[in-house]
Protein backbone atom coordinates (compact mmCIF):
# COMPACT_ATOMS: atom_id res chain seq x y z
CA UNK A 1 2.18 -8.24 -33.03
CA UNK A 2 4.64 -6.20 -31.03
CA UNK A 3 3.60 -2.56 -30.70
CA UNK A 4 6.30 -0.07 -29.62
CA UNK A 5 4.18 1.20 -26.74
CA UNK A 6 0.77 0.53 -25.16
CA UNK A 7 -1.10 3.21 -23.22
CA UNK A 8 -3.50 1.98 -20.58
CA UNK A 9 -6.25 3.46 -18.38
CA UNK A 10 -7.70 0.40 -16.66
CA UNK A 11 -8.22 -1.42 -13.43
CA UNK A 12 -6.57 -4.69 -14.31
CA UNK A 13 -3.39 -6.46 -13.25
CA UNK A 14 -1.49 -7.56 -16.30
CA UNK A 15 0.18 -10.97 -16.08
CA UNK A 16 3.76 -11.58 -17.07
CA UNK A 17 2.62 -13.71 -20.00
CA UNK A 18 0.83 -10.73 -21.46
CA UNK A 19 3.97 -8.60 -21.31
CA UNK A 20 5.90 -11.39 -22.92
CA UNK A 21 3.34 -11.85 -25.69
CA UNK A 22 2.61 -8.17 -26.54
CA UNK A 23 5.66 -6.13 -25.43
CA UNK A 24 7.34 -4.51 -22.53
CA UNK A 25 6.39 -0.86 -22.79
CA UNK A 26 3.00 -0.56 -21.05
CA UNK A 27 2.33 2.92 -19.71
CA UNK A 28 -0.64 3.33 -17.42
CA UNK A 29 -2.46 6.47 -16.40
CA UNK A 30 -3.33 6.26 -12.75
CA UNK A 31 -5.71 8.55 -10.78
CA UNK A 32 -3.40 9.38 -7.91
CA UNK A 33 -0.10 10.91 -7.05
CA UNK A 34 1.65 7.56 -6.66
CA UNK A 35 2.65 5.84 -4.44
CA UNK A 36 -0.46 7.16 -2.60
CA UNK A 37 -3.74 5.48 -3.44
CA UNK A 38 -2.54 2.52 -5.49
CA UNK A 39 -5.50 0.47 -6.64
CA UNK A 40 -8.97 1.23 -7.93
CA UNK A 41 -11.52 4.02 -7.50
CA UNK A 42 -9.17 6.63 -6.04
CA UNK A 43 -11.69 9.39 -6.73
CA UNK A 44 -14.12 7.82 -4.21
CA UNK A 45 -11.43 7.80 -1.54
CA UNK A 46 -10.33 11.36 -2.29
CA UNK A 47 -13.87 12.47 -1.37
CA UNK A 48 -14.44 10.02 1.50
CA UNK A 49 -11.08 11.05 3.07
CA UNK A 50 -11.73 14.78 2.49
CA UNK A 51 -8.64 15.30 0.40
CA UNK A 52 -8.18 18.75 -1.10
CA UNK A 53 -6.39 17.72 -4.25
CA UNK A 54 -5.97 14.76 -6.52
CA UNK A 55 -3.07 13.58 -8.59
CA UNK A 56 -2.53 11.79 -11.83
CA UNK A 57 0.49 9.69 -12.72
CA UNK A 58 1.88 8.06 -15.80
CA UNK A 59 3.90 5.03 -14.85
CA UNK A 60 5.34 1.93 -16.40
CA UNK A 61 3.16 -1.15 -15.76
CA UNK A 62 4.48 -4.36 -14.36
CA UNK A 63 2.89 -7.37 -12.65
CA UNK A 64 2.39 -5.36 -9.38
CA UNK A 65 -0.35 -3.06 -8.35
CA UNK A 66 0.50 0.41 -9.64
CA UNK A 67 4.10 0.09 -8.44
CA UNK A 68 6.02 0.61 -11.70
CA UNK A 69 8.49 3.42 -12.20
CA UNK A 70 6.92 6.90 -12.49
CA UNK A 71 7.30 8.82 -15.75
CA UNK A 72 5.36 11.95 -14.90
CA UNK A 73 2.82 13.15 -12.38
CA UNK A 74 0.96 16.23 -11.23
CA UNK A 75 -1.39 17.30 -8.40
CA UNK A 76 -4.59 19.29 -8.93
CA UNK A 77 -7.01 20.99 -6.59
CA UNK A 78 -10.73 20.25 -6.84
CA UNK A 79 -13.94 21.74 -5.54
CA UNK A 80 -14.78 20.50 -2.01
CA UNK A 81 -18.32 19.46 -2.94
CA UNK A 82 -17.62 17.96 -6.35
CA UNK A 83 -19.44 14.79 -7.31
CA UNK A 84 -17.42 11.61 -7.74
CA UNK A 85 -18.51 11.48 -11.37
CA UNK A 86 -17.24 14.98 -12.10
CA UNK A 87 -13.92 14.35 -10.27
CA UNK A 88 -13.45 11.14 -12.31
CA UNK A 89 -14.17 13.11 -15.48
CA UNK A 90 -11.60 15.75 -14.53
CA UNK A 91 -9.02 12.98 -13.91
CA UNK A 92 -9.72 11.63 -17.40
CA UNK A 93 -9.09 15.08 -18.90
CA UNK A 94 -5.70 15.23 -17.09
CA UNK A 95 -4.77 11.75 -18.39
CA UNK A 96 -5.31 12.95 -21.99
CA UNK A 97 -3.18 16.03 -21.39
CA UNK A 98 -0.38 13.98 -19.82
CA UNK A 99 -0.40 11.33 -22.60
CA UNK A 100 -0.05 14.12 -25.17
CA UNK A 101 2.75 15.78 -23.17
CA UNK A 102 4.50 12.41 -22.84
CA UNK A 103 4.39 11.83 -26.58
CA UNK A 104 5.59 15.38 -27.33
CA UNK A 105 8.59 14.89 -24.97
CA UNK A 106 9.35 11.26 -25.95
CA UNK A 107 8.69 11.18 -29.66
CA UNK A 108 11.40 8.58 -30.29
CA UNK A 109 10.30 6.41 -27.31
CA UNK A 110 13.98 5.94 -26.51
CA UNK A 111 15.52 6.55 -23.04
CA UNK A 112 12.25 7.40 -21.31
CA UNK A 113 13.14 8.97 -17.97
CA UNK A 114 11.47 7.49 -14.92
CA UNK A 115 12.03 7.05 -11.23
CA UNK A 116 11.25 4.41 -8.60
CA UNK A 117 8.37 4.78 -6.24
CA UNK A 118 8.90 4.92 -2.50
CA UNK A 119 7.48 1.68 -1.15
CA UNK A 120 7.43 3.07 2.40
CA UNK A 121 5.01 5.84 1.28
CA UNK A 122 2.67 3.46 -0.60
CA UNK A 123 -1.04 3.32 0.34
CA UNK A 124 -3.74 1.26 -1.29
CA UNK A 125 -7.41 1.63 -2.18
CA UNK A 126 -9.89 -1.13 -2.84
CA UNK A 127 -13.27 -1.29 -4.57
CA UNK A 128 -15.56 0.93 -2.57
CA UNK A 129 -18.29 -0.59 -0.35
CA UNK A 130 -21.48 0.92 0.94
CA UNK A 131 -19.70 2.37 4.04
CA UNK A 132 -17.37 4.36 1.78
CA UNK A 133 -20.24 5.81 -0.21
CA UNK A 134 -22.05 6.71 3.00
CA UNK A 135 -18.90 8.53 4.20
CA UNK A 136 -18.69 10.35 0.89
CA UNK A 137 -22.31 11.48 1.30
CA UNK A 138 -21.80 12.57 4.93
CA UNK A 139 -18.93 14.74 3.70
CA UNK A 140 -21.39 16.61 1.47
CA UNK A 141 -20.45 14.90 -1.77
CA UNK A 142 -22.45 12.66 -4.04
CA UNK A 143 -21.77 10.04 -6.67
CA UNK A 144 -23.40 12.15 -9.44
CA UNK A 145 -25.43 15.33 -9.60
CA UNK A 146 -28.04 16.46 -12.14
CA UNK A 147 -25.78 19.30 -13.21
CA UNK A 148 -23.16 16.76 -14.24
CA UNK A 149 -25.53 15.67 -17.01
CA UNK A 150 -26.33 19.22 -17.98
CA UNK A 151 -22.65 20.18 -18.18
CA UNK A 152 -21.93 17.20 -20.45
CA UNK A 153 -24.24 18.38 -23.22
């Protein structure tokens, strides 16, 4: 089983043996404007750090942590008091748009244009802890709001 391409939206590090077994073209959707905020739960840190915009990136996966070559990326503004849930939902919508755009522009999957990330500009996130959630709350944000459920119906 060797698919031509695998799209990923996950918080896992893939081992070399998986690439060898399945194939080389793994493209990941990441919730930041890489190389900033490599790692998990970027949306929590956008809010805790009072960022004014978020980014999404499509990049080639390798054995590292979100350090593969960048295929495409874009920044977006968000509401200052958005919930973490809603921000994460907006990121997922942007991923879907970018995957579609990628496929439209790379229908043959040959000669996919990408560029290296600047390692000197790289920052990393980690799984959030209680202190991060407390900071998020003190900034006027929340993990989820009642209107998030209403807006999903």
